[in-house]
Amino acid sequence: GLSLSQIAHNVGVADSTFRKWRDEHEA
């Protein structure tokens, strides 16, 4: 149930970076 912002934090990147990864990488 983590939000994209929380997942981005866990991954260690900014929200905008994680959203870009999500949009660019189907996996």
PDB file of all heavy atoms in Angstrom:
ATOM      1  N   GLY A   1       0.777  -1.225   0.000  1.00  0.00           N
ATOM      2  CA  GLY A   1       0.000   0.000   0.000  1.00  0.00           C
ATOM      3  C   GLY A   1       0.813   1.281   0.000  1.00  0.00           C
ATOM      4  O   GLY A   1       0.257   2.361   0.193  1.00  0.00           O
ATOM      5  N   LEU A   2       2.137   1.180  -0.213  1.00  0.00           N
ATOM      6  CA  LEU A   2       2.950   2.383  -0.256  1.00  0.00           C
ATOM      7  C   LEU A   2       2.613   3.208  -1.494  1.00  0.00           C
ATOM      8  O   LEU A   2       2.331   2.658  -2.557  1.00  0.00           O
ATOM      9  CB  LEU A   2       4.443   2.030  -0.281  1.00  0.00           C
ATOM     10  CG  LEU A   2       5.124   1.845   1.084  1.00  0.00           C
ATOM     11  CD1 LEU A   2       4.548   0.651   1.821  1.00  0.00           C
ATOM     12  CD2 LEU A   2       6.616   1.690   0.903  1.00  0.00           C
ATOM     13  N   SER A   3       2.657   4.509  -1.337  1.00  0.00           N
ATOM     14  CA  SER A   3       2.419   5.416  -2.462  1.00  0.00           C
ATOM     15  C   SER A   3       3.669   5.461  -3.334  1.00  0.00           C
ATOM     16  O   SER A   3       4.750   4.998  -2.931  1.00  0.00           O
ATOM     17  CB  SER A   3       2.121   6.821  -1.946  1.00  0.00           C
ATOM     18  OG  SER A   3       3.287   7.372  -1.338  1.00  0.00           O
ATOM     19  N   LEU A   4       3.534   6.049  -4.520  1.00  0.00           N
ATOM     20  CA  LEU A   4       4.707   6.209  -5.388  1.00  0.00           C
ATOM     21  C   LEU A   4       5.775   7.032  -4.690  1.00  0.00           C
ATOM     22  O   LEU A   4       6.975   6.758  -4.836  1.00  0.00           O
ATOM     23  CB  LEU A   4       4.318   6.844  -6.720  1.00  0.00           C
ATOM     24  CG  LEU A   4       3.528   5.961  -7.673  1.00  0.00           C
ATOM     25  CD1 LEU A   4       3.203   6.739  -8.951  1.00  0.00           C
ATOM     26  CD2 LEU A   4       4.274   4.694  -8.006  1.00  0.00           C
ATOM     27  N   SER A   5       5.378   8.034  -3.928  1.00  0.00           N
ATOM     28  CA  SER A   5       6.340   8.865  -3.195  1.00  0.00           C
ATOM     29  C   SER A   5       7.100   8.036  -2.165  1.00  0.00           C
ATOM     30  O   SER A   5       8.315   8.204  -1.997  1.00  0.00           O
ATOM     31  CB  SER A   5       5.633  10.026  -2.505  1.00  0.00           C
ATOM     32  OG  SER A   5       5.092  10.909  -3.444  1.00  0.00           O
ATOM     33  N   GLN A   6       6.391   7.162  -1.479  1.00  0.00           N
ATOM     34  CA  GLN A   6       7.036   6.313  -0.476  1.00  0.00           C
ATOM     35  C   GLN A   6       7.973   5.302  -1.127  1.00  0.00           C
ATOM     36  O   GLN A   6       9.056   5.033  -0.604  1.00  0.00           O
ATOM     37  CB  GLN A   6       5.978   5.604   0.368  1.00  0.00           C
ATOM     38  CG  GLN A   6       5.204   6.553   1.261  1.00  0.00           C
ATOM     39  CD  GLN A   6       3.994   5.882   1.901  1.00  0.00           C
ATOM     40  OE1 GLN A   6       3.241   5.165   1.236  1.00  0.00           O
ATOM     41  NE2 GLN A   6       3.802   6.135   3.186  1.00  0.00           N
ATOM     42  N   ILE A   7       7.554   4.748  -2.255  1.00  0.00           N
ATOM     43  CA  ILE A   7       8.420   3.809  -2.970  1.00  0.00           C
ATOM     44  C   ILE A   7       9.661   4.541  -3.463  1.00  0.00           C
ATOM     45  O   ILE A   7      10.784   4.030  -3.342  1.00  0.00           O
ATOM     46  CB  ILE A   7       7.672   3.123  -4.129  1.00  0.00           C
ATOM     47  CG1 ILE A   7       6.535   2.245  -3.573  1.00  0.00           C
ATOM     48  CG2 ILE A   7       8.631   2.277  -4.968  1.00  0.00           C
ATOM     49  CD1 ILE A   7       5.605   1.670  -4.631  1.00  0.00           C
ATOM     50  N   ALA A   8       9.489   5.756  -3.997  1.00  0.00           N
ATOM     51  CA  ALA A   8      10.631   6.550  -4.453  1.00  0.00           C
ATOM     52  C   ALA A   8      11.612   6.763  -3.305  1.00  0.00           C
ATOM     53  O   ALA A   8      12.835   6.633  -3.481  1.00  0.00           O
ATOM     54  CB  ALA A   8      10.161   7.886  -5.014  1.00  0.00           C
ATOM     55  N   HIS A   9      11.091   7.070  -2.125  1.00  0.00           N
ATOM     56  CA  HIS A   9      11.945   7.258  -0.950  1.00  0.00           C
ATOM     57  C   HIS A   9      12.728   5.979  -0.643  1.00  0.00           C
ATOM     58  O   HIS A   9      13.931   6.020  -0.387  1.00  0.00           O
ATOM     59  CB  HIS A   9      11.098   7.671   0.252  1.00  0.00           C
ATOM     60  CG  HIS A   9      11.861   7.739   1.525  1.00  0.00           C
ATOM     61  ND1 HIS A   9      12.671   8.806   1.853  1.00  0.00           N
ATOM     62  CD2 HIS A   9      11.973   6.862   2.544  1.00  0.00           C
ATOM     63  CE1 HIS A   9      13.233   8.578   3.021  1.00  0.00           C
ATOM     64  NE2 HIS A   9      12.827   7.400   3.464  1.00  0.00           N
ATOM     65  N   ASN A  10      12.038   4.836  -0.684  1.00  0.00           N
ATOM     66  CA  ASN A  10      12.703   3.548  -0.415  1.00  0.00           C
ATOM     67  C   ASN A  10      13.784   3.246  -1.445  1.00  0.00           C
ATOM     68  O   ASN A  10      14.815   2.660  -1.110  1.00  0.00           O
ATOM     69  CB  ASN A  10      11.681   2.410  -0.385  1.00  0.00           C
ATOM     70  CG  ASN A  10      10.825   2.431   0.858  1.00  0.00           C
ATOM     71  OD1 ASN A  10      11.008   3.227   1.763  1.00  0.00           O
ATOM     72  ND2 ASN A  10       9.844   1.544   0.901  1.00  0.00           N
ATOM     73  N   VAL A  11      13.526   3.634  -2.691  1.00  0.00           N
ATOM     74  CA  VAL A  11      14.484   3.404  -3.772  1.00  0.00           C
ATOM     75  C   VAL A  11      15.673   4.370  -3.641  1.00  0.00           C
ATOM     76  O   VAL A  11      16.775   4.072  -4.082  1.00  0.00           O
ATOM     77  CB  VAL A  11      13.776   3.555  -5.139  1.00  0.00           C
ATOM     78  CG1 VAL A  11      14.752   3.619  -6.289  1.00  0.00           C
ATOM     79  CG2 VAL A  11      12.801   2.397  -5.344  1.00  0.00           C
ATOM     80  N   GLY A  12      15.417   5.528  -3.032  1.00  0.00           N
ATOM     81  CA  GLY A  12      16.476   6.502  -2.813  1.00  0.00           C
ATOM     82  C   GLY A  12      16.563   7.575  -3.884  1.00  0.00           C
ATOM     83  O   GLY A  12      17.639   8.122  -4.129  1.00  0.00           O
ATOM     84  N   VAL A  13      15.416   7.868  -4.527  1.00  0.00           N
ATOM     85  CA  VAL A  13      15.387   8.893  -5.570  1.00  0.00           C
ATOM     86  C   VAL A  13      14.208   9.834  -5.318  1.00  0.00           C
ATOM     87  O   VAL A  13      13.302   9.521  -4.551  1.00  0.00           O
ATOM     88  CB  VAL A  13      15.279   8.285  -6.991  1.00  0.00           C
ATOM     89  CG1 VAL A  13      16.485   7.418  -7.300  1.00  0.00           C
ATOM     90  CG2 VAL A  13      13.991   7.486  -7.164  1.00  0.00           C
ATOM     91  N   ALA A  14      14.223  10.965  -6.009  1.00  0.00           N
ATOM     92  CA  ALA A  14      13.128  11.926  -5.922  1.00  0.00           C
ATOM     93  C   ALA A  14      11.871  11.342  -6.560  1.00  0.00           C
ATOM     94  O   ALA A  14      11.954  10.478  -7.440  1.00  0.00           O
ATOM     95  CB  ALA A  14      13.514  13.223  -6.630  1.00  0.00           C
ATOM     96  N   ASP A  15      10.734  11.850  -6.124  1.00  0.00           N
ATOM     97  CA  ASP A  15       9.453  11.410  -6.701  1.00  0.00           C
ATOM     98  C   ASP A  15       9.463  11.532  -8.222  1.00  0.00           C
ATOM     99  O   ASP A  15       9.046  10.619  -8.927  1.00  0.00           O
ATOM    100  CB  ASP A  15       8.285  12.251  -6.171  1.00  0.00           C
ATOM    101  CG  ASP A  15       8.018  12.052  -4.697  1.00  0.00           C
ATOM    102  OD1 ASP A  15       8.709  11.241  -4.056  1.00  0.00           O
ATOM    103  OD2 ASP A  15       7.093  12.709  -4.191  1.00  0.00           O
ATOM    104  N   SER A  16       9.925  12.681  -8.704  1.00  0.00           N
ATOM    105  CA  SER A  16       9.908  12.923 -10.152  1.00  0.00           C
ATOM    106  C   SER A  16      10.786  11.927 -10.897  1.00  0.00           C
ATOM    107  O   SER A  16      10.430  11.484 -11.989  1.00  0.00           O
ATOM    108  CB  SER A  16      10.357  14.354 -10.466  1.00  0.00           C
ATOM    109  OG  SER A  16      11.664  14.592  -9.954  1.00  0.00           O
ATOM    110  N   THR A  17      11.898  11.555 -10.303  1.00  0.00           N
ATOM    111  CA  THR A  17      12.791  10.574 -10.935  1.00  0.00           C
ATOM    112  C   THR A  17      12.116   9.214 -11.000  1.00  0.00           C
ATOM    113  O   THR A  17      12.132   8.548 -12.038  1.00  0.00           O
ATOM    114  CB  THR A  17      14.119  10.466 -10.157  1.00  0.00           C
ATOM    115  OG1 THR A  17      14.758  11.747 -10.168  1.00  0.00           O
ATOM    116  CG2 THR A  17      15.037   9.417 -10.756  1.00  0.00           C
ATOM    117  N   PHE A  18      11.482   8.812  -9.908  1.00  0.00           N
ATOM    118  CA  PHE A  18      10.829   7.506  -9.894  1.00  0.00           C
ATOM    119  C   PHE A  18       9.675   7.461 -10.872  1.00  0.00           C
ATOM    120  O   PHE A  18       9.477   6.468 -11.577  1.00  0.00           O
ATOM    121  CB  PHE A  18      10.358   7.131  -8.487  1.00  0.00           C
ATOM    122  CG  PHE A  18       9.864   5.718  -8.411  1.00  0.00           C
ATOM    123  CD1 PHE A  18      10.757   4.657  -8.492  1.00  0.00           C
ATOM    124  CD2 PHE A  18       8.519   5.439  -8.300  1.00  0.00           C
ATOM    125  CE1 PHE A  18      10.312   3.345  -8.458  1.00  0.00           C
ATOM    126  CE2 PHE A  18       8.061   4.140  -8.266  1.00  0.00           C
ATOM    127  CZ  PHE A  18       8.960   3.085  -8.338  1.00  0.00           C
ATOM    128  N   ARG A  19       8.906   8.534 -10.964  1.00  0.00           N
ATOM    129  CA  ARG A  19       7.790   8.583 -11.919  1.00  0.00           C
ATOM    130  C   ARG A  19       8.309   8.507 -13.358  1.00  0.00           C
ATOM    131  O   ARG A  19       7.700   7.858 -14.210  1.00  0.00           O
ATOM    132  CB  ARG A  19       6.952   9.839 -11.695  1.00  0.00           C
ATOM    133  CG  ARG A  19       6.173   9.783 -10.400  1.00  0.00           C
ATOM    134  CD  ARG A  19       5.440  11.096 -10.104  1.00  0.00           C
ATOM    135  NE  ARG A  19       5.003  11.151  -8.725  1.00  0.00           N
ATOM    136  CZ  ARG A  19       3.895  10.606  -8.256  1.00  0.00           C
ATOM    137  NH1 ARG A  19       3.093   9.955  -9.072  1.00  0.00           N
ATOM    138  NH2 ARG A  19       3.567  10.702  -6.996  1.00  0.00           N
ATOM    139  N   LYS A  20       9.452   9.132 -13.611  1.00  0.00           N
ATOM    140  CA  LYS A  20      10.064   9.061 -14.940  1.00  0.00           C
ATOM    141  C   LYS A  20      10.480   7.618 -15.239  1.00  0.00           C
ATOM    142  O   LYS A  20      10.240   7.118 -16.332  1.00  0.00           O
ATOM    143  CB  LYS A  20      11.275   9.994 -15.007  1.00  0.00           C
ATOM    144  CG  LYS A  20      11.948  10.024 -16.351  1.00  0.00           C
ATOM    145  CD  LYS A  20      13.109  11.010 -16.359  1.00  0.00           C
ATOM    146  CE  LYS A  20      13.834  10.938 -17.694  1.00  0.00           C
ATOM    147  NZ  LYS A  20      15.020  11.785 -17.725  1.00  0.00           N
ATOM    148  N   TRP A  21      11.089   6.959 -14.252  1.00  0.00           N
ATOM    149  CA  TRP A  21      11.473   5.553 -14.439  1.00  0.00           C
ATOM    150  C   TRP A  21      10.246   4.715 -14.749  1.00  0.00           C
ATOM    151  O   TRP A  21      10.273   3.853 -15.621  1.00  0.00           O
ATOM    152  CB  TRP A  21      12.131   5.001 -13.180  1.00  0.00           C
ATOM    153  CG  TRP A  21      13.488   5.531 -12.865  1.00  0.00           C
ATOM    154  CD1 TRP A  21      14.212   6.465 -13.558  1.00  0.00           C
ATOM    155  CD2 TRP A  21      14.288   5.154 -11.753  1.00  0.00           C
ATOM    156  NE1 TRP A  21      15.402   6.680 -12.930  1.00  0.00           N
ATOM    157  CE2 TRP A  21      15.488   5.891 -11.822  1.00  0.00           C
ATOM    158  CE3 TRP A  21      14.117   4.271 -10.694  1.00  0.00           C
ATOM    159  CZ2 TRP A  21      16.503   5.767 -10.887  1.00  0.00           C
ATOM    160  CZ3 TRP A  21      15.127   4.148  -9.760  1.00  0.00           C
ATOM    161  CH2 TRP A  21      16.303   4.881  -9.853  1.00  0.00           C
ATOM    162  N   ARG A  22       9.169   4.933 -13.998  1.00  0.00           N
ATOM    163  CA  ARG A  22       7.931   4.170 -14.206  1.00  0.00           C
ATOM    164  C   ARG A  22       7.408   4.367 -15.626  1.00  0.00           C
ATOM    165  O   ARG A  22       6.986   3.417 -16.279  1.00  0.00           O
ATOM    166  CB  ARG A  22       6.878   4.614 -13.198  1.00  0.00           C
ATOM    167  CG  ARG A  22       5.557   3.887 -13.347  1.00  0.00           C
ATOM    168  CD  ARG A  22       4.430   4.618 -12.697  1.00  0.00           C
ATOM    169  NE  ARG A  22       4.291   5.946 -13.305  1.00  0.00           N
ATOM    170  CZ  ARG A  22       3.515   6.899 -12.833  1.00  0.00           C
ATOM    171  NH1 ARG A  22       2.823   6.708 -11.735  1.00  0.00           N
ATOM    172  NH2 ARG A  22       3.425   8.065 -13.440  1.00  0.00           N
ATOM    173  N   ASP A  23       7.467   5.603 -16.100  1.00  0.00           N
ATOM    174  CA  ASP A  23       6.966   5.911 -17.438  1.00  0.00           C
ATOM    175  C   ASP A  23       7.863   5.365 -18.545  1.00  0.00           C
ATOM    176  O   ASP A  23       7.381   5.033 -19.617  1.00  0.00           O
ATOM    177  CB  ASP A  23       6.802   7.426 -17.608  1.00  0.00           C
ATOM    178  CG  ASP A  23       5.722   8.006 -16.697  1.00  0.00           C
ATOM    179  OD1 ASP A  23       4.899   7.222 -16.161  1.00  0.00           O
ATOM    180  OD2 ASP A  23       5.718   9.240 -16.512  1.00  0.00           O
ATOM    181  N   GLU A  24       9.158   5.281 -18.284  1.00  0.00           N
ATOM    182  CA  GLU A  24      10.117   4.865 -19.314  1.00  0.00           C
ATOM    183  C   GLU A  24      10.434   3.375 -19.301  1.00  0.00           C
ATOM    184  O   GLU A  24      10.959   2.860 -20.285  1.00  0.00           O
ATOM    185  CB  GLU A  24      11.422   5.652 -19.153  1.00  0.00           C
ATOM    186  CG  GLU A  24      11.267   7.126 -19.459  1.00  0.00           C
ATOM    187  CD  GLU A  24      12.544   7.911 -19.267  1.00  0.00           C
ATOM    188  OE1 GLU A  24      13.558   7.350 -18.775  1.00  0.00           O
ATOM    189  OE2 GLU A  24      12.554   9.108 -19.610  1.00  0.00           O
ATOM    190  N   HIS A  25      10.133   2.684 -18.210  1.00  0.00           N
ATOM    191  CA  HIS A  25      10.518   1.263 -18.078  1.00  0.00           C
ATOM    192  C   HIS A  25       9.284   0.430 -17.740  1.00  0.00           C
ATOM    193  O   HIS A  25       8.775   0.466 -16.617  1.00  0.00           O
ATOM    194  CB  HIS A  25      11.606   1.097 -17.013  1.00  0.00           C
ATOM    195  CG  HIS A  25      12.825   1.912 -17.305  1.00  0.00           C
ATOM    196  ND1 HIS A  25      13.745   1.548 -18.254  1.00  0.00           N
ATOM    197  CD2 HIS A  25      13.237   3.103 -16.814  1.00  0.00           C
ATOM    198  CE1 HIS A  25      14.697   2.467 -18.318  1.00  0.00           C
ATOM    199  NE2 HIS A  25      14.400   3.431 -17.462  1.00  0.00           N
ATOM    200  N   GLU A  26       8.826  -0.313 -18.725  1.00  0.00           N
ATOM    201  CA  GLU A  26       7.618  -1.129 -18.572  1.00  0.00           C
ATOM    202  C   GLU A  26       7.733  -2.098 -17.400  1.00  0.00           C
ATOM    203  O   GLU A  26       6.737  -2.367 -16.719  1.00  0.00           O
ATOM    204  CB  GLU A  26       7.325  -1.889 -19.862  1.00  0.00           C
ATOM    205  CG  GLU A  26       6.105  -2.777 -19.807  1.00  0.00           C
ATOM    206  CD  GLU A  26       4.819  -2.052 -19.420  1.00  0.00           C
ATOM    207  OE1 GLU A  26       4.657  -0.874 -19.774  1.00  0.00           O
ATOM    208  OE2 GLU A  26       3.975  -2.677 -18.740  1.00  0.00           O
ATOM    209  N   ALA A  27       8.920  -2.617 -17.131  1.00  0.00           N
ATOM    210  CA  ALA A  27       9.084  -3.580 -16.043  1.00  0.00           C
ATOM    211  C   ALA A  27       8.757  -2.950 -14.692  1.00  0.00           C
ATOM    212  O   ALA A  27       8.129  -3.584 -13.836  1.00  0.00           O
ATOM    213  CB  ALA A  27      10.508  -4.139 -16.041  1.00  0.00           C
TER     214      ALA A  27
END
